Amino acid sequence: MRRLITLALFFASTLSLQSLRAQQTPALAGIAHIAIRVRSLDAAREFYNNLGFEEAFHLTGKDGKVNESFIKINDHQFLELYPANPDNPKQASIGFLHVCFEGDDLEAIHDDYVSHGLTPIAVRKAGAGNLLFTLAGPIDANGAAQNLEYTQYMPGSLHSNDQGKHLGEDRVGDEIHSVAIAVKDPAAARDFYLNQLSFKSIAGDPMFLHMPGNSGQEVEITTAGSLGAKARFALRTENLSKAARLLHKQHISVLKSNDTLTISDPDGNMIMIRAL
């Protein structure tokens, strides 16, 4: 009996500590961007433009060539498209690169992670003018730690200066609602997001996790074998029928279900459009 009481107290204290950690960890504002490397930047930009998403701005290298295109979903969410470079092994593979989360107080998030034993890099100012830090996440299929990014939009940055611009009326979606994270060990990754990053489990679907805060946005933990290097993310729309008509007008192939339209971009990345 004494042993049972001891075990009960242990589990109760563990749950209490996890609950306290969740309360103390600063909230995330949402998914800031999904970064994808593509075969052809022109083809990818044209495809997303046909979905109603415009390029807000781009960055160029020393050679004057565009090396990063920012496709706008809404004022707080973007797709970052990077062109593949066959001459550079690190830039040759196409597909999902990383997800970036937005925070309203990046220093507080960074310091909270450090206080709980994580090792994010120091907060710095990135090329677009926002604050940024990165953190090593769960192991991917190649045995490398995934790169997780965190950003805080700053006054005068390229993102902030584009507020209210490049938002066409005929977009097939108005929010990135979820993104898939492909990992080698889904159980370990789920534990990392729940217990290290204070994400919340969703009843009935253990591999979808809510972000801390009130964004309502999610990450999906999946096996690397099921997704490979491809990206998969869901867009929210208030009018699924309108989205279907826009896709039909652009002659984009669609897989339809009751509440989801599924399409693929030129590189095979999967986009699910849902009425949420």
C-alpha atoms as a PDB file:
ATOM      1  CA  MET A   1       0.000   0.000   0.000  1.00  0.00           C
ATOM      2  CA  ARG A   2       2.814   2.389   0.903  1.00  0.00           C
ATOM      3  CA  ARG A   3       4.427   1.707  -2.488  1.00  0.00           C
ATOM      4  CA  LEU A   4       1.157   2.467  -4.304  1.00  0.00           C
ATOM      5  CA  ILE A   5       0.787   5.716  -2.400  1.00  0.00           C
ATOM      6  CA  THR A   6       4.387   6.660  -3.243  1.00  0.00           C
ATOM      7  CA  LEU A   7       3.834   5.951  -6.941  1.00  0.00           C
ATOM      8  CA  ALA A   8       0.604   7.940  -6.925  1.00  0.00           C
ATOM      9  CA  LEU A   9       2.344  10.906  -5.327  1.00  0.00           C
ATOM     10  CA  PHE A  10       5.187  10.648  -7.869  1.00  0.00           C
ATOM     11  CA  PHE A  11       2.859  10.725 -10.872  1.00  0.00           C
ATOM     12  CA  ALA A  12       0.799  13.508  -9.329  1.00  0.00           C
ATOM     13  CA  SER A  13       3.909  15.607  -8.776  1.00  0.00           C
ATOM     14  CA  THR A  14       5.108  14.916 -12.332  1.00  0.00           C
ATOM     15  CA  LEU A  15       1.788  16.028 -13.791  1.00  0.00           C
ATOM     16  CA  SER A  16       1.827  19.069 -11.511  1.00  0.00           C
ATOM     17  CA  LEU A  17       5.314  20.045 -12.726  1.00  0.00           C
ATOM     18  CA  GLN A  18       4.269  19.618 -16.364  1.00  0.00           C
ATOM     19  CA  SER A  19       1.187  21.756 -15.736  1.00  0.00           C
ATOM     20  CA  LEU A  20       3.302  24.428 -14.018  1.00  0.00           C
ATOM     21  CA  ARG A  21       5.806  24.384 -16.897  1.00  0.00           C
ATOM     22  CA  ALA A  22       2.975  24.842 -19.405  1.00  0.00           C
ATOM     23  CA  GLN A  23       1.665  27.823 -17.435  1.00  0.00           C
ATOM     24  CA  GLN A  24       5.087  29.465 -17.206  1.00  0.00           C
ATOM     25  CA  THR A  25       6.247  28.921 -20.792  1.00  0.00           C
ATOM     26  CA  PRO A  26       5.497  32.007 -22.921  1.00  0.00           C
ATOM     27  CA  ALA A  27       2.861  31.428 -25.585  1.00  0.00           C
ATOM     28  CA  LEU A  28       3.607  31.198 -29.295  1.00  0.00           C
ATOM     29  CA  ALA A  29       1.644  33.465 -31.633  1.00  0.00           C
ATOM     30  CA  GLY A  30       1.444  30.844 -34.401  1.00  0.00           C
ATOM     31  CA  ILE A  31       3.259  29.370 -37.379  1.00  0.00           C
ATOM     32  CA  ALA A  32       5.330  32.161 -38.942  1.00  0.00           C
ATOM     33  CA  HIS A  33       6.574  30.305 -42.013  1.00  0.00           C
ATOM     34  CA  ILE A  34       7.308  26.976 -43.619  1.00  0.00           C
ATOM     35  CA  ALA A  35      10.571  26.792 -45.573  1.00  0.00           C
ATOM     36  CA  ILE A  36      10.759  24.582 -48.676  1.00  0.00           C
ATOM     37  CA  ARG A  37      13.528  24.039 -51.225  1.00  0.00           C
ATOM     38  CA  VAL A  38      12.186  23.800 -54.779  1.00  0.00           C
ATOM     39  CA  ARG A  39      13.580  22.700 -58.146  1.00  0.00           C
ATOM     40  CA  SER A  40      12.423  25.805 -59.973  1.00  0.00           C
ATOM     41  CA  LEU A  41      11.730  29.023 -58.132  1.00  0.00           C
ATOM     42  CA  ASP A  42       9.842  30.411 -61.124  1.00  0.00           C
ATOM     43  CA  ALA A  43       7.577  27.350 -61.354  1.00  0.00           C
ATOM     44  CA  ALA A  44       6.895  27.352 -57.609  1.00  0.00           C
ATOM     45  CA  ARG A  45       6.114  31.062 -57.513  1.00  0.00           C
ATOM     46  CA  GLU A  46       3.764  30.711 -60.475  1.00  0.00           C
ATOM     47  CA  PHE A  47       1.969  27.777 -58.839  1.00  0.00           C
ATOM     48  CA  TYR A  48       1.398  29.587 -55.542  1.00  0.00           C
ATOM     49  CA  ASN A  49       0.414  32.739 -57.401  1.00  0.00           C
ATOM     50  CA  ASN A  50      -2.271  30.664 -59.139  1.00  0.00           C
ATOM     51  CA  LEU A  51      -3.536  29.758 -55.662  1.00  0.00           C
ATOM     52  CA  GLY A  52      -3.902  33.486 -54.986  1.00  0.00           C
ATOM     53  CA  PHE A  53      -0.705  33.890 -52.945  1.00  0.00           C
ATOM     54  CA  GLU A  54       1.644  36.672 -54.023  1.00  0.00           C
ATOM     55  CA  GLU A  55       5.352  37.115 -53.501  1.00  0.00           C
ATOM     56  CA  ALA A  56       5.704  39.827 -50.875  1.00  0.00           C
ATOM     57  CA  PHE A  57       9.460  40.298 -51.361  1.00  0.00           C
ATOM     58  CA  HIS A  58      12.620  38.322 -52.038  1.00  0.00           C
ATOM     59  CA  LEU A  59      16.295  38.283 -51.102  1.00  0.00           C
ATOM     60  CA  THR A  60      19.186  38.060 -53.529  1.00  0.00           C
ATOM     61  CA  GLY A  61      22.723  36.761 -53.233  1.00  0.00           C
ATOM     62  CA  LYS A  62      25.974  38.475 -54.146  1.00  0.00           C
ATOM     63  CA  ASP A  63      25.502  37.275 -57.712  1.00  0.00           C
ATOM     64  CA  GLY A  64      22.192  39.130 -57.937  1.00  0.00           C
ATOM     65  CA  LYS A  65      20.143  35.942 -58.217  1.00  0.00           C
ATOM     66  CA  VAL A  66      17.099  35.424 -56.029  1.00  0.00           C
ATOM     67  CA  ASN A  67      17.981  32.948 -53.283  1.00  0.00           C
ATOM     68  CA  GLU A  68      14.823  33.258 -51.166  1.00  0.00           C
ATOM     69  CA  SER A  69      11.244  34.129 -52.092  1.00  0.00           C
ATOM     70  CA  PHE A  70       8.645  35.059 -49.464  1.00  0.00           C
ATOM     71  CA  ILE A  71       5.148  33.960 -50.518  1.00  0.00           C
ATOM     72  CA  LYS A  72       2.525  35.653 -48.400  1.00  0.00           C
ATOM     73  CA  ILE A  73      -0.356  33.700 -46.839  1.00  0.00           C
ATOM     74  CA  ASN A  74      -1.412  36.498 -44.477  1.00  0.00           C
ATOM     75  CA  ASP A  75       0.283  39.305 -42.562  1.00  0.00           C
ATOM     76  CA  HIS A  76       1.847  36.850 -40.106  1.00  0.00           C
ATOM     77  CA  GLN A  77       2.410  33.737 -42.240  1.00  0.00           C
ATOM     78  CA  PHE A  78       4.608  33.035 -45.244  1.00  0.00           C
ATOM     79  CA  LEU A  79       6.058  30.248 -47.333  1.00  0.00           C
ATOM     80  CA  GLU A  80       9.804  30.669 -47.769  1.00  0.00           C
ATOM     81  CA  LEU A  81      10.917  29.169 -51.080  1.00  0.00           C
ATOM     82  CA  TYR A  82      14.597  28.434 -51.689  1.00  0.00           C
ATOM     83  CA  PRO A  83      15.884  27.389 -55.115  1.00  0.00           C
ATOM     84  CA  ALA A  84      17.846  24.134 -55.300  1.00  0.00           C
ATOM     85  CA  ASN A  85      21.506  24.418 -56.254  1.00  0.00           C
ATOM     86  CA  PRO A  86      22.846  21.193 -57.848  1.00  0.00           C
ATOM     87  CA  ASP A  87      26.405  22.469 -57.453  1.00  0.00           C
ATOM     88  CA  ASN A  88      26.127  22.670 -53.673  1.00  0.00           C
ATOM     89  CA  PRO A  89      25.397  19.343 -51.912  1.00  0.00           C
ATOM     90  CA  LYS A  90      23.817  21.185 -48.960  1.00  0.00           C
ATOM     91  CA  GLN A  91      21.379  22.948 -51.297  1.00  0.00           C
ATOM     92  CA  ALA A  92      20.699  20.195 -53.819  1.00  0.00           C
ATOM     93  CA  SER A  93      17.883  18.272 -52.117  1.00  0.00           C
ATOM     94  CA  ILE A  94      14.375  19.574 -52.584  1.00  0.00           C
ATOM     95  CA  GLY A  95      11.567  19.426 -50.034  1.00  0.00           C
ATOM     96  CA  PHE A  96      10.794  20.518 -46.484  1.00  0.00           C
ATOM     97  CA  LEU A  97      13.510  22.500 -44.703  1.00  0.00           C
ATOM     98  CA  HIS A  98      12.037  23.795 -41.458  1.00  0.00           C
ATOM     99  CA  VAL A  99       9.094  25.367 -39.683  1.00  0.00           C
ATOM    100  CA  CYS A 100       9.315  28.713 -37.903  1.00  0.00           C
ATOM    101  CA  PHE A 101       7.135  29.745 -34.967  1.00  0.00           C
ATOM    102  CA  GLU A 102       6.224  33.333 -34.154  1.00  0.00           C
ATOM    103  CA  GLY A 103       6.554  34.725 -30.635  1.00  0.00           C
ATOM    104  CA  ASP A 104       5.572  38.085 -29.202  1.00  0.00           C
ATOM    105  CA  ASP A 105       8.542  38.084 -26.796  1.00  0.00           C
ATOM    106  CA  LEU A 106      11.383  36.063 -28.288  1.00  0.00           C
ATOM    107  CA  GLU A 107      13.839  36.772 -25.480  1.00  0.00           C
ATOM    108  CA  ALA A 108      11.371  35.405 -22.918  1.00  0.00           C
ATOM    109  CA  ILE A 109      10.796  32.234 -24.959  1.00  0.00           C
ATOM    110  CA  HIS A 110      14.540  31.770 -25.453  1.00  0.00           C
ATOM    111  CA  ASP A 111      15.304  32.274 -21.750  1.00  0.00           C
ATOM    112  CA  ASP A 112      12.520  29.903 -20.720  1.00  0.00           C
ATOM    113  CA  TYR A 113      13.949  27.187 -22.955  1.00  0.00           C
ATOM    114  CA  VAL A 114      17.424  27.711 -21.505  1.00  0.00           C
ATOM    115  CA  SER A 115      16.059  27.535 -17.953  1.00  0.00           C
ATOM    116  CA  HIS A 116      14.639  24.100 -18.727  1.00  0.00           C
ATOM    117  CA  GLY A 117      17.840  22.650 -20.137  1.00  0.00           C
ATOM    118  CA  LEU A 118      17.411  23.348 -23.859  1.00  0.00           C
ATOM    119  CA  THR A 119      20.201  24.937 -25.884  1.00  0.00           C
ATOM    120  CA  PRO A 120      18.796  27.442 -28.400  1.00  0.00           C
ATOM    121  CA  ILE A 121      21.257  29.768 -30.084  1.00  0.00           C
ATOM    122  CA  ALA A 122      21.262  33.393 -28.973  1.00  0.00           C
ATOM    123  CA  VAL A 123      18.554  35.719 -30.276  1.00  0.00           C
ATOM    124  CA  ARG A 124      19.856  37.735 -33.228  1.00  0.00           C
ATOM    125  CA  LYS A 125      18.567  39.991 -35.974  1.00  0.00           C
ATOM    126  CA  ALA A 126      17.966  38.151 -39.258  1.00  0.00           C
ATOM    127  CA  GLY A 127      18.359  39.396 -42.817  1.00  0.00           C
ATOM    128  CA  ALA A 128      14.728  40.495 -43.173  1.00  0.00           C
ATOM    129  CA  GLY A 129      14.997  42.624 -40.046  1.00  0.00           C
ATOM    130  CA  ASN A 130      13.230  40.423 -37.476  1.00  0.00           C
ATOM    131  CA  LEU A 131      14.521  38.761 -34.322  1.00  0.00           C
ATOM    132  CA  LEU A 132      15.373  35.078 -34.703  1.00  0.00           C
ATOM    133  CA  PHE A 133      16.744  32.108 -32.822  1.00  0.00           C
ATOM    134  CA  THR A 134      16.995  28.440 -33.727  1.00  0.00           C
ATOM    135  CA  LEU A 135      16.774  25.247 -31.719  1.00  0.00           C
ATOM    136  CA  ALA A 136      17.753  21.662 -32.496  1.00  0.00           C
ATOM    137  CA  GLY A 137      14.583  19.573 -32.693  1.00  0.00           C
ATOM    138  CA  PRO A 138      13.875  15.829 -33.005  1.00  0.00           C
ATOM    139  CA  ILE A 139      15.951  13.584 -35.265  1.00  0.00           C
ATOM    140  CA  ASP A 140      14.861  13.318 -38.897  1.00  0.00           C
ATOM    141  CA  ALA A 141      15.184  10.298 -41.208  1.00  0.00           C
ATOM    142  CA  ASN A 142      18.764  11.203 -42.076  1.00  0.00           C
ATOM    143  CA  GLY A 143      19.855  11.097 -38.456  1.00  0.00           C
ATOM    144  CA  ALA A 144      20.203  14.867 -38.134  1.00  0.00           C
ATOM    145  CA  ALA A 145      18.460  17.118 -35.646  1.00  0.00           C
ATOM    146  CA  GLN A 146      15.729  19.145 -37.301  1.00  0.00           C
ATOM    147  CA  ASN A 147      16.123  22.894 -37.283  1.00  0.00           C
ATOM    148  CA  LEU A 148      13.326  24.746 -35.480  1.00  0.00           C
ATOM    149  CA  GLU A 149      13.153  28.499 -35.980  1.00  0.00           C
ATOM    150  CA  TYR A 150      11.518  31.164 -33.845  1.00  0.00           C
ATOM    151  CA  THR A 151      10.921  34.743 -34.920  1.00  0.00           C
ATOM    152  CA  GLN A 152       9.498  38.007 -33.624  1.00  0.00           C
ATOM    153  CA  TYR A 153       8.351  40.509 -36.224  1.00  0.00           C
ATOM    154  CA  MET A 154       9.963  43.886 -35.658  1.00  0.00           C
ATOM    155  CA  PRO A 155       8.968  47.404 -36.767  1.00  0.00           C
ATOM    156  CA  GLY A 156      10.716  48.325 -40.014  1.00  0.00           C
ATOM    157  CA  SER A 157      11.368  44.727 -41.090  1.00  0.00           C
ATOM    158  CA  LEU A 158      10.476  43.528 -44.582  1.00  0.00           C
ATOM    159  CA  HIS A 159       7.570  41.582 -43.099  1.00  0.00           C
ATOM    160  CA  SER A 160       6.223  44.476 -41.037  1.00  0.00           C
ATOM    161  CA  ASN A 161       6.544  46.910 -43.920  1.00  0.00           C
ATOM    162  CA  ASP A 162       4.372  44.588 -46.023  1.00  0.00           C
ATOM    163  CA  GLN A 163       1.450  44.638 -43.575  1.00  0.00           C
ATOM    164  CA  GLY A 164      -1.833  44.883 -45.488  1.00  0.00           C
ATOM    165  CA  LYS A 165      -0.140  44.366 -48.868  1.00  0.00           C
ATOM    166  CA  HIS A 166      -0.043  41.409 -51.291  1.00  0.00           C
ATOM    167  CA  LEU A 167      -3.304  39.992 -49.966  1.00  0.00           C
ATOM    168  CA  GLY A 168      -5.425  39.105 -52.956  1.00  0.00           C
ATOM    169  CA  GLU A 169      -9.131  38.394 -52.533  1.00  0.00           C
ATOM    170  CA  ASP A 170      -8.927  35.136 -54.484  1.00  0.00           C
ATOM    171  CA  ARG A 171      -6.729  33.116 -52.160  1.00  0.00           C
ATOM    172  CA  VAL A 172      -7.635  29.448 -51.679  1.00  0.00           C
ATOM    173  CA  GLY A 173      -6.910  29.781 -47.967  1.00  0.00           C
ATOM    174  CA  ASP A 174      -6.246  32.487 -45.420  1.00  0.00           C
ATOM    175  CA  GLU A 175      -4.210  30.713 -42.741  1.00  0.00           C
ATOM    176  CA  ILE A 176      -1.630  27.955 -42.331  1.00  0.00           C
ATOM    177  CA  HIS A 177      -3.451  25.837 -39.775  1.00  0.00           C
ATOM    178  CA  SER A 178      -1.023  22.918 -39.379  1.00  0.00           C
ATOM    179  CA  VAL A 179       2.294  21.561 -40.621  1.00  0.00           C
ATOM    180  CA  ALA A 180       3.614  17.993 -40.666  1.00  0.00           C
ATOM    181  CA  ILE A 181       6.942  17.251 -38.982  1.00  0.00           C
ATOM    182  CA  ALA A 182       8.498  14.016 -40.301  1.00  0.00           C
ATOM    183  CA  VAL A 183      10.796  12.335 -37.782  1.00  0.00           C
ATOM    184  CA  LYS A 184      12.675   9.084 -37.234  1.00  0.00           C
ATOM    185  CA  ASP A 185      11.068   8.370 -33.852  1.00  0.00           C
ATOM    186  CA  PRO A 186       7.525   9.820 -33.611  1.00  0.00           C
ATOM    187  CA  ALA A 187       7.074   8.832 -29.964  1.00  0.00           C
ATOM    188  CA  ALA A 188      10.271  10.620 -28.930  1.00  0.00           C
ATOM    189  CA  ALA A 189       9.344  13.648 -31.033  1.00  0.00           C
ATOM    190  CA  ARG A 190       5.883  13.796 -29.458  1.00  0.00           C
ATOM    191  CA  ASP A 191       7.480  13.678 -26.005  1.00  0.00           C
ATOM    192  CA  PHE A 192       9.861  16.498 -27.002  1.00  0.00           C
ATOM    193  CA  TYR A 193       7.055  18.778 -28.180  1.00  0.00           C
ATOM    194  CA  LEU A 194       4.844  18.018 -25.184  1.00  0.00           C
ATOM    195  CA  ASN A 195       7.371  18.081 -22.372  1.00  0.00           C
ATOM    196  CA  GLN A 196      10.100  20.372 -23.695  1.00  0.00           C
ATOM    197  CA  LEU A 197       8.128  22.880 -25.793  1.00  0.00           C
ATOM    198  CA  SER A 198       4.814  22.761 -23.878  1.00  0.00           C
ATOM    199  CA  PHE A 199       2.635  21.829 -26.861  1.00  0.00           C
ATOM    200  CA  LYS A 200      -0.741  20.289 -25.958  1.00  0.00           C
ATOM    201  CA  SER A 201      -2.100  16.895 -26.954  1.00  0.00           C
ATOM    202  CA  ILE A 202      -5.394  16.671 -28.846  1.00  0.00           C
ATOM    203  CA  ALA A 203      -7.981  14.172 -27.689  1.00  0.00           C
ATOM    204  CA  GLY A 204      -8.522  11.360 -30.153  1.00  0.00           C
ATOM    205  CA  ASP A 205      -5.510  12.145 -32.344  1.00  0.00           C
ATOM    206  CA  PRO A 206      -2.243  11.787 -30.399  1.00  0.00           C
ATOM    207  CA  MET A 207       0.036  12.805 -33.272  1.00  0.00           C
ATOM    208  CA  PHE A 208      -1.548  16.243 -33.714  1.00  0.00           C
ATOM    209  CA  LEU A 209      -0.433  18.762 -31.091  1.00  0.00           C
ATOM    210  CA  HIS A 210      -1.710  22.261 -30.327  1.00  0.00           C
ATOM    211  CA  MET A 211       0.816  25.055 -30.062  1.00  0.00           C
ATOM    212  CA  PRO A 212       1.038  26.790 -26.663  1.00  0.00           C
ATOM    213  CA  GLY A 213      -1.093  29.921 -26.762  1.00  0.00           C
ATOM    214  CA  ASN A 214      -4.380  30.828 -28.402  1.00  0.00           C
ATOM    215  CA  SER A 215      -3.521  30.523 -32.105  1.00  0.00           C
ATOM    216  CA  GLY A 216      -5.323  27.180 -32.420  1.00  0.00           C
ATOM    217  CA  GLN A 217      -2.612  26.065 -34.845  1.00  0.00           C
ATOM    218  CA  GLU A 218      -1.041  22.621 -34.784  1.00  0.00           C
ATOM    219  CA  VAL A 219       1.908  20.452 -35.688  1.00  0.00           C
ATOM    220  CA  GLU A 220       1.464  16.898 -36.926  1.00  0.00           C
ATOM    221  CA  ILE A 221       4.113  14.367 -35.899  1.00  0.00           C
ATOM    222  CA  THR A 222       4.580  11.759 -38.620  1.00  0.00           C
ATOM    223  CA  THR A 223       7.105   9.147 -39.681  1.00  0.00           C
ATOM    224  CA  ALA A 224       9.798  10.117 -42.151  1.00  0.00           C
ATOM    225  CA  GLY A 225       8.954   7.013 -44.184  1.00  0.00           C
ATOM    226  CA  SER A 226       5.381   8.138 -44.789  1.00  0.00           C
ATOM    227  CA  LEU A 227       6.296  11.627 -45.939  1.00  0.00           C
ATOM    228  CA  GLY A 228       9.909  11.451 -47.050  1.00  0.00           C
ATOM    229  CA  ALA A 229      11.445  14.847 -47.724  1.00  0.00           C
ATOM    230  CA  LYS A 230       8.166  16.391 -48.867  1.00  0.00           C
ATOM    231  CA  ALA A 231       6.350  19.140 -47.043  1.00  0.00           C
ATOM    232  CA  ARG A 232       2.735  18.749 -45.996  1.00  0.00           C
ATOM    233  CA  PHE A 233       0.627  21.511 -44.525  1.00  0.00           C
ATOM    234  CA  ALA A 234      -3.021  22.494 -44.154  1.00  0.00           C
ATOM    235  CA  LEU A 235      -4.591  25.803 -45.116  1.00  0.00           C
ATOM    236  CA  ARG A 236      -7.773  27.065 -43.490  1.00  0.00           C
ATOM    237  CA  THR A 237     -10.522  28.568 -45.615  1.00  0.00           C
ATOM    238  CA  GLU A 238     -13.921  29.982 -44.710  1.00  0.00           C
ATOM    239  CA  ASN A 239     -15.362  28.947 -48.077  1.00  0.00           C
ATOM    240  CA  LEU A 240     -14.340  25.531 -49.388  1.00  0.00           C
ATOM    241  CA  SER A 241     -16.627  25.786 -52.410  1.00  0.00           C
ATOM    242  CA  LYS A 242     -14.993  29.039 -53.472  1.00  0.00           C
ATOM    243  CA  ALA A 243     -11.552  27.443 -53.081  1.00  0.00           C
ATOM    244  CA  ALA A 244     -12.664  24.529 -55.266  1.00  0.00           C
ATOM    245  CA  ARG A 245     -13.869  26.925 -57.949  1.00  0.00           C
ATOM    246  CA  LEU A 246     -10.564  28.815 -57.902  1.00  0.00           C
ATOM    247  CA  LEU A 247      -8.610  25.580 -58.300  1.00  0.00           C
ATOM    248  CA  HIS A 248     -10.871  24.459 -61.152  1.00  0.00           C
ATOM    249  CA  LYS A 249     -10.356  27.813 -62.881  1.00  0.00           C
ATOM    250  CA  GLN A 250      -6.583  27.312 -62.697  1.00  0.00           C
ATOM    251  CA  HIS A 251      -6.855  23.697 -63.950  1.00  0.00           C
ATOM    252  CA  ILE A 252      -5.188  22.358 -60.810  1.00  0.00           C
ATOM    253  CA  SER A 253      -5.856  18.688 -60.059  1.00  0.00           C
ATOM    254  CA  VAL A 254      -7.731  18.196 -56.800  1.00  0.00           C
ATOM    255  CA  LEU A 255      -8.433  15.194 -54.599  1.00  0.00           C
ATOM    256  CA  LYS A 256     -11.745  15.895 -52.877  1.00  0.00           C
ATOM    257  CA  SER A 257     -13.210  14.594 -49.643  1.00  0.00           C
ATOM    258  CA  ASN A 258     -16.123  15.881 -47.570  1.00  0.00           C
ATOM    259  CA  ASP A 259     -14.212  18.701 -45.901  1.00  0.00           C
ATOM    260  CA  THR A 260     -10.785  18.739 -47.562  1.00  0.00           C
ATOM    261  CA  LEU A 261      -9.289  19.619 -50.934  1.00  0.00           C
ATOM    262  CA  THR A 262      -5.827  18.121 -51.451  1.00  0.00           C
ATOM    263  CA  ILE A 263      -3.425  19.388 -54.100  1.00  0.00           C
ATOM    264  CA  SER A 264       0.305  19.068 -54.820  1.00  0.00           C
ATOM    265  CA  ASP A 265       2.770  21.727 -55.903  1.00  0.00           C
ATOM    266  CA  PRO A 266       5.272  21.166 -58.768  1.00  0.00           C
ATOM    267  CA  ASP A 267       7.690  19.404 -56.391  1.00  0.00           C
ATOM    268  CA  GLY A 268       5.134  17.038 -54.900  1.00  0.00           C
ATOM    269  CA  ASN A 269       4.614  18.911 -51.636  1.00  0.00           C
ATOM    270  CA  MET A 270       1.094  18.314 -50.337  1.00  0.00           C
ATOM    271  CA  ILE A 271      -1.337  21.115 -49.496  1.00  0.00           C
ATOM    272  CA  MET A 272      -4.647  20.354 -47.800  1.00  0.00           C
ATOM    273  CA  ILE A 273      -7.329  23.026 -47.866  1.00  0.00           C
ATOM    274  CA  ARG A 274      -9.935  22.692 -45.156  1.00  0.00           C
ATOM    275  CA  ALA A 275     -12.950  24.577 -43.870  1.00  0.00           C
ATOM    276  CA  LEU A 276     -12.125  24.905 -40.190  1.00  0.00           C
END
